[in-house]
Amino acid sequence: MELEIIIPGKISKHLFDSYNFYVDKIKRFSKIKVNFVKLGGDLNKLPKSVVLKREAEEILKKLKGNDYVLIDLHGKMLNSIEFSKMLENYRLKGKIHFVIGGPLGIDEKIVNGALERISLSQLTFTHELALIILLEQIFRGFKIMNNENYHY
């Protein structure tokens, strides 16, 4: 199985160790690629709509027409077992793409084009922290699929 996560921006220094930890753990189960695309511009100088549109263009370039699951505050809430079943379904297809919005959210074009929309919580997280949480859940999902214990 191949996993690809597309997210605007970059990972901050304070989250880098967690990012590397989970990416390394996931590699045991799947190929994984995290694509950081350019932010849409200066969040304090440009209108939100301009920033979101630019980020959407960058995300769509990376997706190359592939279906994707959007990480969305307003998406479907899943528990870890349900998330692992979703991963299993995509594993049978061979590839899954996840998209996480940037600091201002996500353009409606990306929202409307998503195959599925899932929420990581009713809480709002920074896009970088959402990436770490998604990586942890992907790793947990593979552990569940393989009937392995999980304690980290």
C-alpha atoms as a PDB file:
ATOM      1  CA  MET A   1       0.000   0.000   0.000  1.00  0.00           C
ATOM      2  CA  GLU A   2       1.084   3.547  -0.682  1.00  0.00           C
ATOM      3  CA  LEU A   3       0.066   6.520   1.438  1.00  0.00           C
ATOM      4  CA  GLU A   4       0.411  10.149   0.482  1.00  0.00           C
ATOM      5  CA  ILE A   5      -0.434  13.111   2.670  1.00  0.00           C
ATOM      6  CA  ILE A   6      -0.603  16.584   1.173  1.00  0.00           C
ATOM      7  CA  ILE A   7      -0.427  19.589   3.473  1.00  0.00           C
ATOM      8  CA  PRO A   8       0.399  23.287   3.029  1.00  0.00           C
ATOM      9  CA  GLY A   9       3.422  24.654   4.859  1.00  0.00           C
ATOM     10  CA  LYS A  10       6.129  22.707   6.611  1.00  0.00           C
ATOM     11  CA  ILE A  11       6.638  20.896   9.882  1.00  0.00           C
ATOM     12  CA  SER A  12       7.820  23.103  12.735  1.00  0.00           C
ATOM     13  CA  LYS A  13      10.988  22.320  14.611  1.00  0.00           C
ATOM     14  CA  HIS A  14       9.134  21.462  17.838  1.00  0.00           C
ATOM     15  CA  LEU A  15       7.111  18.719  16.055  1.00  0.00           C
ATOM     16  CA  PHE A  16       9.874  17.341  13.871  1.00  0.00           C
ATOM     17  CA  ASP A  17      10.820  14.441  16.180  1.00  0.00           C
ATOM     18  CA  SER A  18       7.201  13.276  16.425  1.00  0.00           C
ATOM     19  CA  TYR A  19       6.816  13.555  12.672  1.00  0.00           C
ATOM     20  CA  ASN A  20       9.917  11.423  12.041  1.00  0.00           C
ATOM     21  CA  PHE A  21       8.915   8.920  14.736  1.00  0.00           C
ATOM     22  CA  TYR A  22       5.562   8.109  13.131  1.00  0.00           C
ATOM     23  CA  VAL A  23       6.762   8.215   9.529  1.00  0.00           C
ATOM     24  CA  ASP A  24       9.465   5.671  10.441  1.00  0.00           C
ATOM     25  CA  LYS A  25       6.935   3.451  12.241  1.00  0.00           C
ATOM     26  CA  ILE A  26       4.507   3.527   9.297  1.00  0.00           C
ATOM     27  CA  LYS A  27       7.227   2.514   6.819  1.00  0.00           C
ATOM     28  CA  ARG A  28       7.091  -0.983   8.301  1.00  0.00           C
ATOM     29  CA  PHE A  29       3.585  -1.351   6.896  1.00  0.00           C
ATOM     30  CA  SER A  30       3.413   0.936   3.880  1.00  0.00           C
ATOM     31  CA  LYS A  31       5.224   3.348   1.631  1.00  0.00           C
ATOM     32  CA  ILE A  32       4.482   6.854   2.851  1.00  0.00           C
ATOM     33  CA  LYS A  33       5.089  10.239   1.333  1.00  0.00           C
ATOM     34  CA  VAL A  34       4.269  13.581   2.904  1.00  0.00           C
ATOM     35  CA  ASN A  35       4.100  16.426   0.408  1.00  0.00           C
ATOM     36  CA  PHE A  36       4.388  19.884   1.879  1.00  0.00           C
ATOM     37  CA  VAL A  37       3.058  22.414  -0.624  1.00  0.00           C
ATOM     38  CA  LYS A  38       3.539  26.173  -0.577  1.00  0.00           C
ATOM     39  CA  LEU A  39       1.353  28.238   1.694  1.00  0.00           C
ATOM     40  CA  GLY A  40      -0.940  30.563  -0.224  1.00  0.00           C
ATOM     41  CA  GLY A  41       0.854  33.719   0.868  1.00  0.00           C
ATOM     42  CA  ASP A  42       1.145  36.078   3.818  1.00  0.00           C
ATOM     43  CA  LEU A  43      -1.862  35.335   6.005  1.00  0.00           C
ATOM     44  CA  ASN A  44      -1.800  38.856   7.447  1.00  0.00           C
ATOM     45  CA  LYS A  45      -1.650  40.712   4.123  1.00  0.00           C
ATOM     46  CA  LEU A  46      -3.781  38.725   1.689  1.00  0.00           C
ATOM     47  CA  PRO A  47      -7.504  37.998   1.811  1.00  0.00           C
ATOM     48  CA  LYS A  48      -8.373  34.539   3.115  1.00  0.00           C
ATOM     49  CA  SER A  49     -10.001  33.622  -0.202  1.00  0.00           C
ATOM     50  CA  VAL A  50      -6.766  34.327  -2.110  1.00  0.00           C
ATOM     51  CA  VAL A  51      -4.666  32.253   0.297  1.00  0.00           C
ATOM     52  CA  LEU A  52      -7.098  29.319   0.177  1.00  0.00           C
ATOM     53  CA  LYS A  53      -7.344  29.429  -3.618  1.00  0.00           C
ATOM     54  CA  ARG A  54      -3.565  29.385  -4.029  1.00  0.00           C
ATOM     55  CA  GLU A  55      -3.206  26.481  -1.600  1.00  0.00           C
ATOM     56  CA  ALA A  56      -5.962  24.579  -3.414  1.00  0.00           C
ATOM     57  CA  GLU A  57      -4.085  24.995  -6.699  1.00  0.00           C
ATOM     58  CA  GLU A  58      -0.911  23.586  -5.139  1.00  0.00           C
ATOM     59  CA  ILE A  59      -2.789  20.685  -3.553  1.00  0.00           C
ATOM     60  CA  LEU A  60      -4.542  19.809  -6.818  1.00  0.00           C
ATOM     61  CA  LYS A  61      -1.207  19.789  -8.669  1.00  0.00           C
ATOM     62  CA  LYS A  62       0.118  17.182  -6.223  1.00  0.00           C
ATOM     63  CA  LEU A  63      -3.061  15.106  -6.354  1.00  0.00           C
ATOM     64  CA  LYS A  64      -2.824  14.746 -10.148  1.00  0.00           C
ATOM     65  CA  GLY A  65      -6.514  13.824 -10.363  1.00  0.00           C
ATOM     66  CA  ASN A  66      -6.354  11.100  -7.691  1.00  0.00           C
ATOM     67  CA  ASP A  67      -9.175  10.587  -5.191  1.00  0.00           C
ATOM     68  CA  TYR A  68      -8.498  11.776  -1.660  1.00  0.00           C
ATOM     69  CA  VAL A  69      -9.727  11.748   1.904  1.00  0.00           C
ATOM     70  CA  LEU A  70      -9.967  15.205   3.414  1.00  0.00           C
ATOM     71  CA  ILE A  71      -9.163  15.775   7.058  1.00  0.00           C
ATOM     72  CA  ASP A  72     -11.950  18.170   7.938  1.00  0.00           C
ATOM     73  CA  LEU A  73     -13.317  19.498  11.218  1.00  0.00           C
ATOM     74  CA  HIS A  74     -16.812  18.955   9.776  1.00  0.00           C
ATOM     75  CA  GLY A  75     -16.100  15.458   8.478  1.00  0.00           C
ATOM     76  CA  LYS A  76     -17.304  12.120   9.798  1.00  0.00           C
ATOM     77  CA  MET A  77     -16.043  11.184  13.245  1.00  0.00           C
ATOM     78  CA  LEU A  78     -14.396   7.752  13.346  1.00  0.00           C
ATOM     79  CA  ASN A  79     -13.000   5.763  16.218  1.00  0.00           C
ATOM     80  CA  SER A  80      -9.666   3.987  15.766  1.00  0.00           C
ATOM     81  CA  ILE A  81     -11.291   0.678  14.783  1.00  0.00           C
ATOM     82  CA  GLU A  82     -13.400   2.388  12.111  1.00  0.00           C
ATOM     83  CA  PHE A  83     -10.343   4.293  10.882  1.00  0.00           C
ATOM     84  CA  SER A  84      -8.389   1.031  10.581  1.00  0.00           C
ATOM     85  CA  LYS A  85     -11.248  -0.489   8.543  1.00  0.00           C
ATOM     86  CA  MET A  86     -11.177   2.538   6.240  1.00  0.00           C
ATOM     87  CA  LEU A  87      -7.411   2.054   5.817  1.00  0.00           C
ATOM     88  CA  GLU A  88      -7.979  -1.623   5.075  1.00  0.00           C
ATOM     89  CA  ASN A  89     -10.454  -0.743   2.319  1.00  0.00           C
ATOM     90  CA  TYR A  90      -7.922   1.593   0.726  1.00  0.00           C
ATOM     91  CA  ARG A  91      -5.146  -0.947   1.169  1.00  0.00           C
ATOM     92  CA  LEU A  92      -7.096  -3.246  -1.134  1.00  0.00           C
ATOM     93  CA  LYS A  93      -7.109  -0.433  -3.724  1.00  0.00           C
ATOM     94  CA  GLY A  94      -3.359   0.021  -3.320  1.00  0.00           C
ATOM     95  CA  LYS A  95      -3.139   3.727  -2.557  1.00  0.00           C
ATOM     96  CA  ILE A  96      -4.689   6.423  -0.403  1.00  0.00           C
ATOM     97  CA  HIS A  97      -4.243  10.189  -0.457  1.00  0.00           C
ATOM     98  CA  PHE A  98      -5.024  12.393   2.537  1.00  0.00           C
ATOM     99  CA  VAL A  99      -5.322  16.170   2.359  1.00  0.00           C
ATOM    100  CA  ILE A 100      -4.989  18.506   5.337  1.00  0.00           C
ATOM    101  CA  GLY A 101      -5.848  22.190   5.017  1.00  0.00           C
ATOM    102  CA  GLY A 102      -3.517  25.021   5.912  1.00  0.00           C
ATOM    103  CA  PRO A 103      -3.666  27.587   8.728  1.00  0.00           C
ATOM    104  CA  LEU A 104      -6.811  29.247   7.325  1.00  0.00           C
ATOM    105  CA  GLY A 105      -8.638  26.038   6.478  1.00  0.00           C
ATOM    106  CA  ILE A 106      -9.382  24.598   3.060  1.00  0.00           C
ATOM    107  CA  ASP A 107     -10.877  25.952  -0.153  1.00  0.00           C
ATOM    108  CA  GLU A 108     -14.403  24.795  -1.034  1.00  0.00           C
ATOM    109  CA  LYS A 109     -13.089  23.296  -4.284  1.00  0.00           C
ATOM    110  CA  ILE A 110     -11.014  20.827  -2.228  1.00  0.00           C
ATOM    111  CA  VAL A 111     -13.882  20.186   0.209  1.00  0.00           C
ATOM    112  CA  ASN A 112     -16.326  19.467  -2.610  1.00  0.00           C
ATOM    113  CA  GLY A 113     -13.922  17.166  -4.470  1.00  0.00           C
ATOM    114  CA  ALA A 114     -13.147  14.892  -1.537  1.00  0.00           C
ATOM    115  CA  LEU A 115     -14.079  11.229  -1.792  1.00  0.00           C
ATOM    116  CA  GLU A 116     -14.491  11.182   1.980  1.00  0.00           C
ATOM    117  CA  ARG A 117     -14.238  13.761   4.753  1.00  0.00           C
ATOM    118  CA  ILE A 118     -13.154  12.646   8.194  1.00  0.00           C
ATOM    119  CA  SER A 119     -12.619  14.555  11.398  1.00  0.00           C
ATOM    120  CA  LEU A 120      -9.832  13.853  13.870  1.00  0.00           C
ATOM    121  CA  SER A 121     -11.751  15.505  16.705  1.00  0.00           C
ATOM    122  CA  GLN A 122     -14.348  18.131  17.478  1.00  0.00           C
ATOM    123  CA  LEU A 123     -11.425  20.227  18.661  1.00  0.00           C
ATOM    124  CA  THR A 124      -9.588  22.460  16.209  1.00  0.00           C
ATOM    125  CA  PHE A 125      -5.867  21.719  15.722  1.00  0.00           C
ATOM    126  CA  THR A 126      -3.151  23.505  13.824  1.00  0.00           C
ATOM    127  CA  HIS A 127      -2.548  21.906  10.451  1.00  0.00           C
ATOM    128  CA  GLU A 128       0.864  20.674  11.679  1.00  0.00           C
ATOM    129  CA  LEU A 129      -0.588  19.026  14.778  1.00  0.00           C
ATOM    130  CA  ALA A 130      -3.353  17.496  12.636  1.00  0.00           C
ATOM    131  CA  LEU A 131      -0.576  15.897  10.566  1.00  0.00           C
ATOM    132  CA  ILE A 132       1.000  14.342  13.683  1.00  0.00           C
ATOM    133  CA  ILE A 133      -2.385  13.060  14.879  1.00  0.00           C
ATOM    134  CA  LEU A 134      -3.152  11.616  11.434  1.00  0.00           C
ATOM    135  CA  LEU A 135       0.236   9.885  11.319  1.00  0.00           C
ATOM    136  CA  GLU A 136      -0.363   8.407  14.767  1.00  0.00           C
ATOM    137  CA  GLN A 137      -3.789   7.122  13.724  1.00  0.00           C
ATOM    138  CA  ILE A 138      -2.395   5.631  10.521  1.00  0.00           C
ATOM    139  CA  PHE A 139       0.224   3.767  12.552  1.00  0.00           C
ATOM    140  CA  ARG A 140      -2.415   2.690  15.083  1.00  0.00           C
ATOM    141  CA  GLY A 141      -4.668   1.561  12.219  1.00  0.00           C
ATOM    142  CA  PHE A 142      -1.957  -0.680  10.791  1.00  0.00           C
ATOM    143  CA  LYS A 143      -1.291  -2.148  14.237  1.00  0.00           C
ATOM    144  CA  ILE A 144      -5.020  -2.911  14.606  1.00  0.00           C
ATOM    145  CA  MET A 145      -5.182  -4.482  11.118  1.00  0.00           C
ATOM    146  CA  ASN A 146      -2.249  -6.724  12.004  1.00  0.00           C
ATOM    147  CA  ASN A 147      -3.634  -7.721  15.434  1.00  0.00           C
ATOM    148  CA  GLU A 148      -0.613  -6.180  17.148  1.00  0.00           C
ATOM    149  CA  ASN A 149      -0.551  -4.519  20.547  1.00  0.00           C
ATOM    150  CA  TYR A 150      -0.091  -0.768  20.590  1.00  0.00           C
ATOM    151  CA  HIS A 151       1.463   1.155  23.469  1.00  0.00           C
ATOM    152  CA  TYR A 152       3.472   4.286  22.709  1.00  0.00           C
END
